mmCIF file of all heavy atoms, coordinates in Angstrom:
data_MODEL
# 
_entry.id   MODEL 
# 
loop_
_atom_site.group_PDB 
_atom_site.id 
_atom_site.type_symbol 
_atom_site.label_atom_id 
_atom_site.label_alt_id 
_atom_site.label_comp_id 
_atom_site.label_asym_id 
_atom_site.label_entity_id 
_atom_site.label_seq_id 
_atom_site.pdbx_PDB_ins_code 
_atom_site.Cartn_x 
_atom_site.Cartn_y 
_atom_site.Cartn_z 
_atom_site.occupancy 
_atom_site.B_iso_or_equiv 
_atom_site.pdbx_formal_charge 
_atom_site.auth_seq_id 
_atom_site.auth_comp_id 
_atom_site.auth_asym_id 
_atom_site.auth_atom_id 
_atom_site.pdbx_PDB_model_num 
ATOM 1   N N   . TYR A 1 1  ? -3.169 -3.040 3.719  1.00 0.00 ? 1  TYR A N   1 
ATOM 2   C CA  . TYR A 1 1  ? -3.286 -1.977 4.801  1.00 0.00 ? 1  TYR A CA  1 
ATOM 3   C C   . TYR A 1 1  ? -2.662 -2.643 6.137  1.00 0.00 ? 1  TYR A C   1 
ATOM 4   O O   . TYR A 1 1  ? -1.897 -1.966 6.844  1.00 0.00 ? 1  TYR A O   1 
ATOM 5   C CB  . TYR A 1 1  ? -4.818 -1.712 5.141  1.00 0.00 ? 1  TYR A CB  1 
ATOM 6   C CG  . TYR A 1 1  ? -5.040 -0.620 6.185  1.00 0.00 ? 1  TYR A CG  1 
ATOM 7   C CD1 . TYR A 1 1  ? -4.735 0.576  5.955  1.00 0.00 ? 1  TYR A CD1 1 
ATOM 8   C CD2 . TYR A 1 1  ? -5.023 -1.014 7.528  1.00 0.00 ? 1  TYR A CD2 1 
ATOM 9   C CE1 . TYR A 1 1  ? -4.843 1.571  6.979  1.00 0.00 ? 1  TYR A CE1 1 
ATOM 10  C CE2 . TYR A 1 1  ? -5.064 -0.083 8.607  1.00 0.00 ? 1  TYR A CE2 1 
ATOM 11  C CZ  . TYR A 1 1  ? -4.976 1.257  8.223  1.00 0.00 ? 1  TYR A CZ  1 
ATOM 12  O OH  . TYR A 1 1  ? -4.963 2.104  9.293  1.00 0.00 ? 1  TYR A OH  1 
ATOM 13  N N   . GLU A 1 2  ? -2.968 -3.815 6.420  1.00 0.00 ? 2  GLU A N   1 
ATOM 14  C CA  . GLU A 1 2  ? -2.531 -4.531 7.590  1.00 0.00 ? 2  GLU A CA  1 
ATOM 15  C C   . GLU A 1 2  ? -0.955 -4.792 7.484  1.00 0.00 ? 2  GLU A C   1 
ATOM 16  O O   . GLU A 1 2  ? -0.224 -4.786 8.591  1.00 0.00 ? 2  GLU A O   1 
ATOM 17  C CB  . GLU A 1 2  ? -3.238 -5.780 7.857  1.00 0.00 ? 2  GLU A CB  1 
ATOM 18  C CG  . GLU A 1 2  ? -4.711 -5.459 8.336  1.00 0.00 ? 2  GLU A CG  1 
ATOM 19  C CD  . GLU A 1 2  ? -5.424 -6.648 8.888  1.00 0.00 ? 2  GLU A CD  1 
ATOM 20  O OE1 . GLU A 1 2  ? -5.050 -7.831 8.348  1.00 0.00 ? 2  GLU A OE1 1 
ATOM 21  O OE2 . GLU A 1 2  ? -6.436 -6.521 9.692  1.00 0.00 ? 2  GLU A OE2 1 
ATOM 22  N N   . ALA A 1 3  ? -0.376 -4.924 6.282  1.00 0.00 ? 3  ALA A N   1 
ATOM 23  C CA  . ALA A 1 3  ? 0.972  -5.157 6.072  1.00 0.00 ? 3  ALA A CA  1 
ATOM 24  C C   . ALA A 1 3  ? 1.706  -3.747 6.560  1.00 0.00 ? 3  ALA A C   1 
ATOM 25  O O   . ALA A 1 3  ? 2.716  -3.823 7.320  1.00 0.00 ? 3  ALA A O   1 
ATOM 26  C CB  . ALA A 1 3  ? 1.362  -5.499 4.774  1.00 0.00 ? 3  ALA A CB  1 
ATOM 27  N N   . VAL A 1 4  ? 1.093  -2.722 6.062  1.00 0.00 ? 4  VAL A N   1 
ATOM 28  C CA  . VAL A 1 4  ? 1.680  -1.334 6.523  1.00 0.00 ? 4  VAL A CA  1 
ATOM 29  C C   . VAL A 1 4  ? 1.531  -1.102 7.972  1.00 0.00 ? 4  VAL A C   1 
ATOM 30  O O   . VAL A 1 4  ? 2.447  -0.513 8.689  1.00 0.00 ? 4  VAL A O   1 
ATOM 31  C CB  . VAL A 1 4  ? 1.081  -0.283 5.596  1.00 0.00 ? 4  VAL A CB  1 
ATOM 32  C CG1 . VAL A 1 4  ? 1.666  1.173  5.989  1.00 0.00 ? 4  VAL A CG1 1 
ATOM 33  C CG2 . VAL A 1 4  ? 1.461  -0.686 4.062  1.00 0.00 ? 4  VAL A CG2 1 
ATOM 34  N N   . LEU A 1 5  ? 0.332  -1.283 8.476  1.00 0.00 ? 5  LEU A N   1 
ATOM 35  C CA  . LEU A 1 5  ? 0.099  -1.074 9.867  1.00 0.00 ? 5  LEU A CA  1 
ATOM 36  C C   . LEU A 1 5  ? 1.071  -1.922 10.741 1.00 0.00 ? 5  LEU A C   1 
ATOM 37  O O   . LEU A 1 5  ? 1.607  -1.356 11.781 1.00 0.00 ? 5  LEU A O   1 
ATOM 38  C CB  . LEU A 1 5  ? -1.333 -1.385 10.112 1.00 0.00 ? 5  LEU A CB  1 
ATOM 39  C CG  . LEU A 1 5  ? -1.801 -1.163 11.584 1.00 0.00 ? 5  LEU A CG  1 
ATOM 40  C CD1 . LEU A 1 5  ? -1.622 0.289  11.921 1.00 0.00 ? 5  LEU A CD1 1 
ATOM 41  C CD2 . LEU A 1 5  ? -3.178 -1.657 12.023 1.00 0.00 ? 5  LEU A CD2 1 
ATOM 42  N N   . LYS A 1 6  ? 1.373  -3.082 10.288 1.00 0.00 ? 6  LYS A N   1 
ATOM 43  C CA  . LYS A 1 6  ? 2.246  -4.012 11.030 1.00 0.00 ? 6  LYS A CA  1 
ATOM 44  C C   . LYS A 1 6  ? 3.740  -3.389 11.099 1.00 0.00 ? 6  LYS A C   1 
ATOM 45  O O   . LYS A 1 6  ? 4.379  -3.397 12.203 1.00 0.00 ? 6  LYS A O   1 
ATOM 46  C CB  . LYS A 1 6  ? 2.380  -5.392 10.465 1.00 0.00 ? 6  LYS A CB  1 
ATOM 47  C CG  . LYS A 1 6  ? 3.075  -6.384 11.170 1.00 0.00 ? 6  LYS A CG  1 
ATOM 48  C CD  . LYS A 1 6  ? 3.095  -7.839 10.774 1.00 0.00 ? 6  LYS A CD  1 
ATOM 49  C CE  . LYS A 1 6  ? 1.644  -8.452 10.981 1.00 0.00 ? 6  LYS A CE  1 
ATOM 50  N NZ  . LYS A 1 6  ? 1.480  -9.763 10.357 1.00 0.00 ? 6  LYS A NZ  1 
ATOM 51  N N   . ALA A 1 7  ? 4.034  -2.733 10.041 1.00 0.00 ? 7  ALA A N   1 
ATOM 52  C CA  . ALA A 1 7  ? 5.402  -2.041 9.934  1.00 0.00 ? 7  ALA A CA  1 
ATOM 53  C C   . ALA A 1 7  ? 5.413  -0.813 10.841 1.00 0.00 ? 7  ALA A C   1 
ATOM 54  O O   . ALA A 1 7  ? 6.395  -0.627 11.522 1.00 0.00 ? 7  ALA A O   1 
ATOM 55  C CB  . ALA A 1 7  ? 5.695  -1.776 8.452  1.00 0.00 ? 7  ALA A CB  1 
ATOM 56  N N   . ASN A 1 8  ? 4.307  -0.019 10.755 1.00 0.00 ? 8  ASN A N   1 
ATOM 57  C CA  . ASN A 1 8  ? 4.244  1.079  11.593 1.00 0.00 ? 8  ASN A CA  1 
ATOM 58  C C   . ASN A 1 8  ? 4.252  0.685  13.110 1.00 0.00 ? 8  ASN A C   1 
ATOM 59  O O   . ASN A 1 8  ? 5.049  1.265  13.888 1.00 0.00 ? 8  ASN A O   1 
ATOM 60  C CB  . ASN A 1 8  ? 2.863  1.758  11.308 1.00 0.00 ? 8  ASN A CB  1 
ATOM 61  C CG  . ASN A 1 8  ? 2.731  3.052  12.155 1.00 0.00 ? 8  ASN A CG  1 
ATOM 62  O OD1 . ASN A 1 8  ? 2.482  2.943  13.412 1.00 0.00 ? 8  ASN A OD1 1 
ATOM 63  N ND2 . ASN A 1 8  ? 2.584  4.120  11.597 1.00 0.00 ? 8  ASN A ND2 1 
ATOM 64  N N   . LYS A 1 9  ? 3.515  -0.306 13.567 1.00 0.00 ? 9  LYS A N   1 
ATOM 65  C CA  . LYS A 1 9  ? 3.613  -0.696 14.947 1.00 0.00 ? 9  LYS A CA  1 
ATOM 66  C C   . LYS A 1 9  ? 4.812  -1.411 15.402 1.00 0.00 ? 9  LYS A C   1 
ATOM 67  O O   . LYS A 1 9  ? 5.258  -1.212 16.589 1.00 0.00 ? 9  LYS A O   1 
ATOM 68  C CB  . LYS A 1 9  ? 2.359  -1.654 15.128 1.00 0.00 ? 9  LYS A CB  1 
ATOM 69  C CG  . LYS A 1 9  ? 0.967  -1.022 15.082 1.00 0.00 ? 9  LYS A CG  1 
ATOM 70  C CD  . LYS A 1 9  ? 0.872  0.220  15.819 1.00 0.00 ? 9  LYS A CD  1 
ATOM 71  C CE  . LYS A 1 9  ? -0.497 0.950  15.750 1.00 0.00 ? 9  LYS A CE  1 
ATOM 72  N NZ  . LYS A 1 9  ? -0.561 2.178  16.436 1.00 0.00 ? 9  LYS A NZ  1 
ATOM 73  N N   . ALA A 1 10 ? 5.575  -1.998 14.469 1.00 0.00 ? 10 ALA A N   1 
ATOM 74  C CA  . ALA A 1 10 ? 6.826  -2.593 14.813 1.00 0.00 ? 10 ALA A CA  1 
ATOM 75  C C   . ALA A 1 10 ? 7.831  -1.454 15.112 1.00 0.00 ? 10 ALA A C   1 
ATOM 76  O O   . ALA A 1 10 ? 8.536  -1.581 16.118 1.00 0.00 ? 10 ALA A O   1 
ATOM 77  C CB  . ALA A 1 10 ? 7.337  -3.491 13.589 1.00 0.00 ? 10 ALA A CB  1 
ATOM 78  N N   . VAL A 1 11 ? 7.798  -0.371 14.312 1.00 0.00 ? 11 VAL A N   1 
ATOM 79  C CA  . VAL A 1 11 ? 8.844  0.626  14.690 1.00 0.00 ? 11 VAL A CA  1 
ATOM 80  C C   . VAL A 1 11 ? 8.359  1.379  15.960 1.00 0.00 ? 11 VAL A C   1 
ATOM 81  O O   . VAL A 1 11 ? 9.176  1.813  16.693 1.00 0.00 ? 11 VAL A O   1 
ATOM 82  C CB  . VAL A 1 11 ? 8.712  1.668  13.413 1.00 0.00 ? 11 VAL A CB  1 
ATOM 83  C CG1 . VAL A 1 11 ? 9.562  2.893  13.737 1.00 0.00 ? 11 VAL A CG1 1 
ATOM 84  C CG2 . VAL A 1 11 ? 9.393  0.984  12.096 1.00 0.00 ? 11 VAL A CG2 1 
ATOM 85  N N   . GLN A 1 12 ? 7.099  1.612  16.120 1.00 0.00 ? 12 GLN A N   1 
ATOM 86  C CA  . GLN A 1 12 ? 6.595  2.291  17.284 1.00 0.00 ? 12 GLN A CA  1 
ATOM 87  C C   . GLN A 1 12 ? 7.078  1.457  18.565 1.00 0.00 ? 12 GLN A C   1 
ATOM 88  O O   . GLN A 1 12 ? 7.373  2.071  19.687 1.00 0.00 ? 12 GLN A O   1 
ATOM 89  C CB  . GLN A 1 12 ? 5.020  2.581  17.295 1.00 0.00 ? 12 GLN A CB  1 
ATOM 90  C CG  . GLN A 1 12 ? 4.679  3.463  16.288 1.00 0.00 ? 12 GLN A CG  1 
ATOM 91  C CD  . GLN A 1 12 ? 3.464  4.299  16.703 1.00 0.00 ? 12 GLN A CD  1 
ATOM 92  O OE1 . GLN A 1 12 ? 3.209  4.567  17.862 1.00 0.00 ? 12 GLN A OE1 1 
ATOM 93  N NE2 . GLN A 1 12 ? 2.595  4.763  15.901 1.00 0.00 ? 12 GLN A NE2 1 
ATOM 94  N N   . GLY A 1 13 ? 7.008  0.299  18.467 1.00 0.00 ? 13 GLY A N   1 
ATOM 95  C CA  . GLY A 1 13 ? 7.361  -0.578 19.560 1.00 0.00 ? 13 GLY A CA  1 
ATOM 96  C C   . GLY A 1 13 ? 8.889  -0.694 19.849 1.00 0.00 ? 13 GLY A C   1 
ATOM 97  O O   . GLY A 1 13 ? 9.332  -1.012 20.975 1.00 0.00 ? 13 GLY A O   1 
ATOM 98  N N   . ALA A 1 14 ? 9.627  -0.366 18.842 1.00 0.00 ? 14 ALA A N   1 
ATOM 99  C CA  . ALA A 1 14 ? 11.138 -0.529 18.899 1.00 0.00 ? 14 ALA A CA  1 
ATOM 100 C C   . ALA A 1 14 ? 11.806 0.779  18.997 1.00 0.00 ? 14 ALA A C   1 
ATOM 101 O O   . ALA A 1 14 ? 12.955 0.808  19.583 1.00 0.00 ? 14 ALA A O   1 
ATOM 102 C CB  . ALA A 1 14 ? 11.769 -1.347 17.684 1.00 0.00 ? 14 ALA A CB  1 
ATOM 103 N N   . ALA A 1 15 ? 11.228 1.908  18.660 1.00 0.00 ? 15 ALA A N   1 
ATOM 104 C CA  . ALA A 1 15 ? 11.935 3.113  18.647 1.00 0.00 ? 15 ALA A CA  1 
ATOM 105 C C   . ALA A 1 15 ? 12.150 3.676  20.043 1.00 0.00 ? 15 ALA A C   1 
ATOM 106 O O   . ALA A 1 15 ? 11.054 3.706  20.749 1.00 0.00 ? 15 ALA A O   1 
ATOM 107 C CB  . ALA A 1 15 ? 11.202 4.249  17.786 1.00 0.00 ? 15 ALA A CB  1 
ATOM 108 N N   . LYS A 1 16 ? 13.363 4.166  20.327 1.00 0.00 ? 16 LYS A N   1 
ATOM 109 C CA  . LYS A 1 16 ? 13.594 4.716  21.744 1.00 0.00 ? 16 LYS A CA  1 
ATOM 110 C C   . LYS A 1 16 ? 15.014 5.329  21.713 1.00 0.00 ? 16 LYS A C   1 
ATOM 111 O O   . LYS A 1 16 ? 15.716 5.062  20.683 1.00 0.00 ? 16 LYS A O   1 
ATOM 112 C CB  . LYS A 1 16 ? 13.515 3.660  22.844 1.00 0.00 ? 16 LYS A CB  1 
ATOM 113 C CG  . LYS A 1 16 ? 14.474 2.488  22.614 1.00 0.00 ? 16 LYS A CG  1 
ATOM 114 C CD  . LYS A 1 16 ? 14.194 1.462  23.740 1.00 0.00 ? 16 LYS A CD  1 
ATOM 115 C CE  . LYS A 1 16 ? 15.218 0.230  23.523 1.00 0.00 ? 16 LYS A CE  1 
ATOM 116 N NZ  . LYS A 1 16 ? 15.065 -0.715 24.498 1.00 0.00 ? 16 LYS A NZ  1 
ATOM 117 N N   . PRO A 1 17 ? 15.288 6.164  22.663 1.00 0.00 ? 17 PRO A N   1 
ATOM 118 C CA  . PRO A 1 17 ? 16.729 6.613  22.734 1.00 0.00 ? 17 PRO A CA  1 
ATOM 119 C C   . PRO A 1 17 ? 17.740 5.596  22.524 1.00 0.00 ? 17 PRO A C   1 
ATOM 120 O O   . PRO A 1 17 ? 17.617 4.503  23.163 1.00 0.00 ? 17 PRO A O   1 
ATOM 121 C CB  . PRO A 1 17 ? 16.800 7.441  23.948 1.00 0.00 ? 17 PRO A CB  1 
ATOM 122 C CG  . PRO A 1 17 ? 15.304 7.782  24.263 1.00 0.00 ? 17 PRO A CG  1 
ATOM 123 C CD  . PRO A 1 17 ? 14.482 6.661  23.732 1.00 0.00 ? 17 PRO A CD  1 
ATOM 124 N N   . GLY A 1 18 ? 18.819 5.813  21.699 1.00 0.00 ? 18 GLY A N   1 
ATOM 125 C CA  . GLY A 1 18 ? 19.926 4.902  21.517 1.00 0.00 ? 18 GLY A CA  1 
ATOM 126 C C   . GLY A 1 18 ? 19.721 4.142  20.410 1.00 0.00 ? 18 GLY A C   1 
ATOM 127 O O   . GLY A 1 18 ? 20.695 3.373  19.922 1.00 0.00 ? 18 GLY A O   1 
ATOM 128 N N   . VAL A 1 19 ? 18.475 3.953  19.692 1.00 0.00 ? 19 VAL A N   1 
ATOM 129 C CA  . VAL A 1 19 ? 18.260 3.254  18.512 1.00 0.00 ? 19 VAL A CA  1 
ATOM 130 C C   . VAL A 1 19 ? 18.599 4.050  17.236 1.00 0.00 ? 19 VAL A C   1 
ATOM 131 O O   . VAL A 1 19 ? 18.222 5.192  17.088 1.00 0.00 ? 19 VAL A O   1 
ATOM 132 C CB  . VAL A 1 19 ? 16.799 2.639  18.533 1.00 0.00 ? 19 VAL A CB  1 
ATOM 133 C CG1 . VAL A 1 19 ? 16.426 2.067  17.291 1.00 0.00 ? 19 VAL A CG1 1 
ATOM 134 C CG2 . VAL A 1 19 ? 16.467 1.846  19.722 1.00 0.00 ? 19 VAL A CG2 1 
ATOM 135 N N   . SER A 1 20 ? 19.134 3.336  16.300 1.00 0.00 ? 20 SER A N   1 
ATOM 136 C CA  . SER A 1 20 ? 19.444 3.903  15.035 1.00 0.00 ? 20 SER A CA  1 
ATOM 137 C C   . SER A 1 20 ? 18.215 4.021  14.125 1.00 0.00 ? 20 SER A C   1 
ATOM 138 O O   . SER A 1 20 ? 17.538 3.093  13.942 1.00 0.00 ? 20 SER A O   1 
ATOM 139 C CB  . SER A 1 20 ? 20.430 3.066  14.213 1.00 0.00 ? 20 SER A CB  1 
ATOM 140 O OG  . SER A 1 20 ? 20.609 3.449  12.811 1.00 0.00 ? 20 SER A OG  1 
ATOM 141 N N   . TRP A 1 21 ? 17.918 5.259  13.520 1.00 0.00 ? 21 TRP A N   1 
ATOM 142 C CA  . TRP A 1 21 ? 16.859 5.432  12.655 1.00 0.00 ? 21 TRP A CA  1 
ATOM 143 C C   . TRP A 1 21 ? 17.016 4.655  11.336 1.00 0.00 ? 21 TRP A C   1 
ATOM 144 O O   . TRP A 1 21 ? 15.976 4.151  10.870 1.00 0.00 ? 21 TRP A O   1 
ATOM 145 C CB  . TRP A 1 21 ? 16.752 6.840  12.203 1.00 0.00 ? 21 TRP A CB  1 
ATOM 146 C CG  . TRP A 1 21 ? 15.590 7.329  11.571 1.00 0.00 ? 21 TRP A CG  1 
ATOM 147 C CD1 . TRP A 1 21 ? 15.341 7.737  10.320 1.00 0.00 ? 21 TRP A CD1 1 
ATOM 148 C CD2 . TRP A 1 21 ? 14.180 7.211  12.050 1.00 0.00 ? 21 TRP A CD2 1 
ATOM 149 N NE1 . TRP A 1 21 ? 13.986 8.044  9.952  1.00 0.00 ? 21 TRP A NE1 1 
ATOM 150 C CE2 . TRP A 1 21 ? 13.287 7.630  10.952 1.00 0.00 ? 21 TRP A CE2 1 
ATOM 151 C CE3 . TRP A 1 21 ? 13.597 6.678  13.165 1.00 0.00 ? 21 TRP A CE3 1 
ATOM 152 C CZ2 . TRP A 1 21 ? 11.882 7.714  11.221 1.00 0.00 ? 21 TRP A CZ2 1 
ATOM 153 C CZ3 . TRP A 1 21 ? 12.117 6.761  13.429 1.00 0.00 ? 21 TRP A CZ3 1 
ATOM 154 C CH2 . TRP A 1 21 ? 11.443 7.302  12.353 1.00 0.00 ? 21 TRP A CH2 1 
ATOM 155 N N   . VAL A 1 22 ? 18.240 4.428  10.983 1.00 0.00 ? 22 VAL A N   1 
ATOM 156 C CA  . VAL A 1 22 ? 18.462 3.400  9.868  1.00 0.00 ? 22 VAL A CA  1 
ATOM 157 C C   . VAL A 1 22 ? 17.952 1.947  10.169 1.00 0.00 ? 22 VAL A C   1 
ATOM 158 O O   . VAL A 1 22 ? 17.184 1.398  9.369  1.00 0.00 ? 22 VAL A O   1 
ATOM 159 C CB  . VAL A 1 22 ? 19.975 3.310  9.433  1.00 0.00 ? 22 VAL A CB  1 
ATOM 160 C CG1 . VAL A 1 22 ? 20.189 2.268  8.426  1.00 0.00 ? 22 VAL A CG1 1 
ATOM 161 C CG2 . VAL A 1 22 ? 20.391 4.804  9.007  1.00 0.00 ? 22 VAL A CG2 1 
ATOM 162 N N   . ASP A 1 23 ? 18.286 1.561  11.331 1.00 0.00 ? 23 ASP A N   1 
ATOM 163 C CA  . ASP A 1 23 ? 17.765 0.209  11.725 1.00 0.00 ? 23 ASP A CA  1 
ATOM 164 C C   . ASP A 1 23 ? 16.108 0.246  11.841 1.00 0.00 ? 23 ASP A C   1 
ATOM 165 O O   . ASP A 1 23 ? 15.539 -0.809 11.538 1.00 0.00 ? 23 ASP A O   1 
ATOM 166 C CB  . ASP A 1 23 ? 18.263 -0.088 13.124 1.00 0.00 ? 23 ASP A CB  1 
ATOM 167 C CG  . ASP A 1 23 ? 19.718 -0.480 13.104 1.00 0.00 ? 23 ASP A CG  1 
ATOM 168 O OD1 . ASP A 1 23 ? 20.263 -0.722 11.977 1.00 0.00 ? 23 ASP A OD1 1 
ATOM 169 O OD2 . ASP A 1 23 ? 20.357 -0.479 14.170 1.00 0.00 ? 23 ASP A OD2 1 
ATOM 170 N N   . MET A 1 24 ? 15.633 1.366  12.200 1.00 0.00 ? 24 MET A N   1 
ATOM 171 C CA  . MET A 1 24 ? 14.166 1.381  12.161 1.00 0.00 ? 24 MET A CA  1 
ATOM 172 C C   . MET A 1 24 ? 13.556 1.332  10.802 1.00 0.00 ? 24 MET A C   1 
ATOM 173 O O   . MET A 1 24 ? 12.578 0.668  10.600 1.00 0.00 ? 24 MET A O   1 
ATOM 174 C CB  . MET A 1 24 ? 13.707 2.699  12.915 1.00 0.00 ? 24 MET A CB  1 
ATOM 175 C CG  . MET A 1 24 ? 13.949 2.737  14.354 1.00 0.00 ? 24 MET A CG  1 
ATOM 176 S SD  . MET A 1 24 ? 13.041 1.474  15.373 1.00 0.00 ? 24 MET A SD  1 
ATOM 177 C CE  . MET A 1 24 ? 14.337 0.103  15.387 1.00 0.00 ? 24 MET A CE  1 
ATOM 178 N N   . HIS A 1 25 ? 14.221 1.903  9.866  1.00 0.00 ? 25 HIS A N   1 
ATOM 179 C CA  . HIS A 1 25 ? 13.712 1.880  8.535  1.00 0.00 ? 25 HIS A CA  1 
ATOM 180 C C   . HIS A 1 25 ? 13.908 0.350  7.988  1.00 0.00 ? 25 HIS A C   1 
ATOM 181 O O   . HIS A 1 25 ? 12.923 -0.144 7.318  1.00 0.00 ? 25 HIS A O   1 
ATOM 182 C CB  . HIS A 1 25 ? 14.625 2.794  7.614  1.00 0.00 ? 25 HIS A CB  1 
ATOM 183 C CG  . HIS A 1 25 ? 14.302 2.646  6.169  1.00 0.00 ? 25 HIS A CG  1 
ATOM 184 N ND1 . HIS A 1 25 ? 13.343 3.452  5.558  1.00 0.00 ? 25 HIS A ND1 1 
ATOM 185 C CD2 . HIS A 1 25 ? 14.739 1.842  5.061  1.00 0.00 ? 25 HIS A CD2 1 
ATOM 186 C CE1 . HIS A 1 25 ? 13.271 3.219  4.287  1.00 0.00 ? 25 HIS A CE1 1 
ATOM 187 N NE2 . HIS A 1 25 ? 14.123 2.137  3.995  1.00 0.00 ? 25 HIS A NE2 1 
ATOM 188 N N   . LEU A 1 26 ? 15.053 -0.221 8.299  1.00 0.00 ? 26 LEU A N   1 
ATOM 189 C CA  . LEU A 1 26 ? 15.173 -1.647 7.972  1.00 0.00 ? 26 LEU A CA  1 
ATOM 190 C C   . LEU A 1 26 ? 14.175 -2.546 8.638  1.00 0.00 ? 26 LEU A C   1 
ATOM 191 O O   . LEU A 1 26 ? 13.710 -3.366 7.920  1.00 0.00 ? 26 LEU A O   1 
ATOM 192 C CB  . LEU A 1 26 ? 16.553 -2.030 8.139  1.00 0.00 ? 26 LEU A CB  1 
ATOM 193 C CG  . LEU A 1 26 ? 17.680 -1.390 7.481  1.00 0.00 ? 26 LEU A CG  1 
ATOM 194 C CD1 . LEU A 1 26 ? 19.033 -1.807 7.999  1.00 0.00 ? 26 LEU A CD1 1 
ATOM 195 C CD2 . LEU A 1 26 ? 17.608 -1.836 5.997  1.00 0.00 ? 26 LEU A CD2 1 
ATOM 196 N N   . LEU A 1 27 ? 13.771 -2.357 9.804  1.00 0.00 ? 27 LEU A N   1 
ATOM 197 C CA  . LEU A 1 27 ? 12.804 -3.030 10.541 1.00 0.00 ? 27 LEU A CA  1 
ATOM 198 C C   . LEU A 1 27 ? 11.426 -2.868 9.832  1.00 0.00 ? 27 LEU A C   1 
ATOM 199 O O   . LEU A 1 27 ? 10.744 -3.834 9.646  1.00 0.00 ? 27 LEU A O   1 
ATOM 200 C CB  . LEU A 1 27 ? 12.727 -2.584 11.950 1.00 0.00 ? 27 LEU A CB  1 
ATOM 201 C CG  . LEU A 1 27 ? 11.422 -3.198 12.763 1.00 0.00 ? 27 LEU A CG  1 
ATOM 202 C CD1 . LEU A 1 27 ? 11.674 -4.701 12.923 1.00 0.00 ? 27 LEU A CD1 1 
ATOM 203 C CD2 . LEU A 1 27 ? 11.453 -2.542 14.087 1.00 0.00 ? 27 LEU A CD2 1 
# 
């Protein structure tokens, strides 16, 4: 659970205009 939550929060912290969704998947 915490592994998945860490992935979720990493994307939420990095996603913003100008960012590639592919890069978010890789993150």
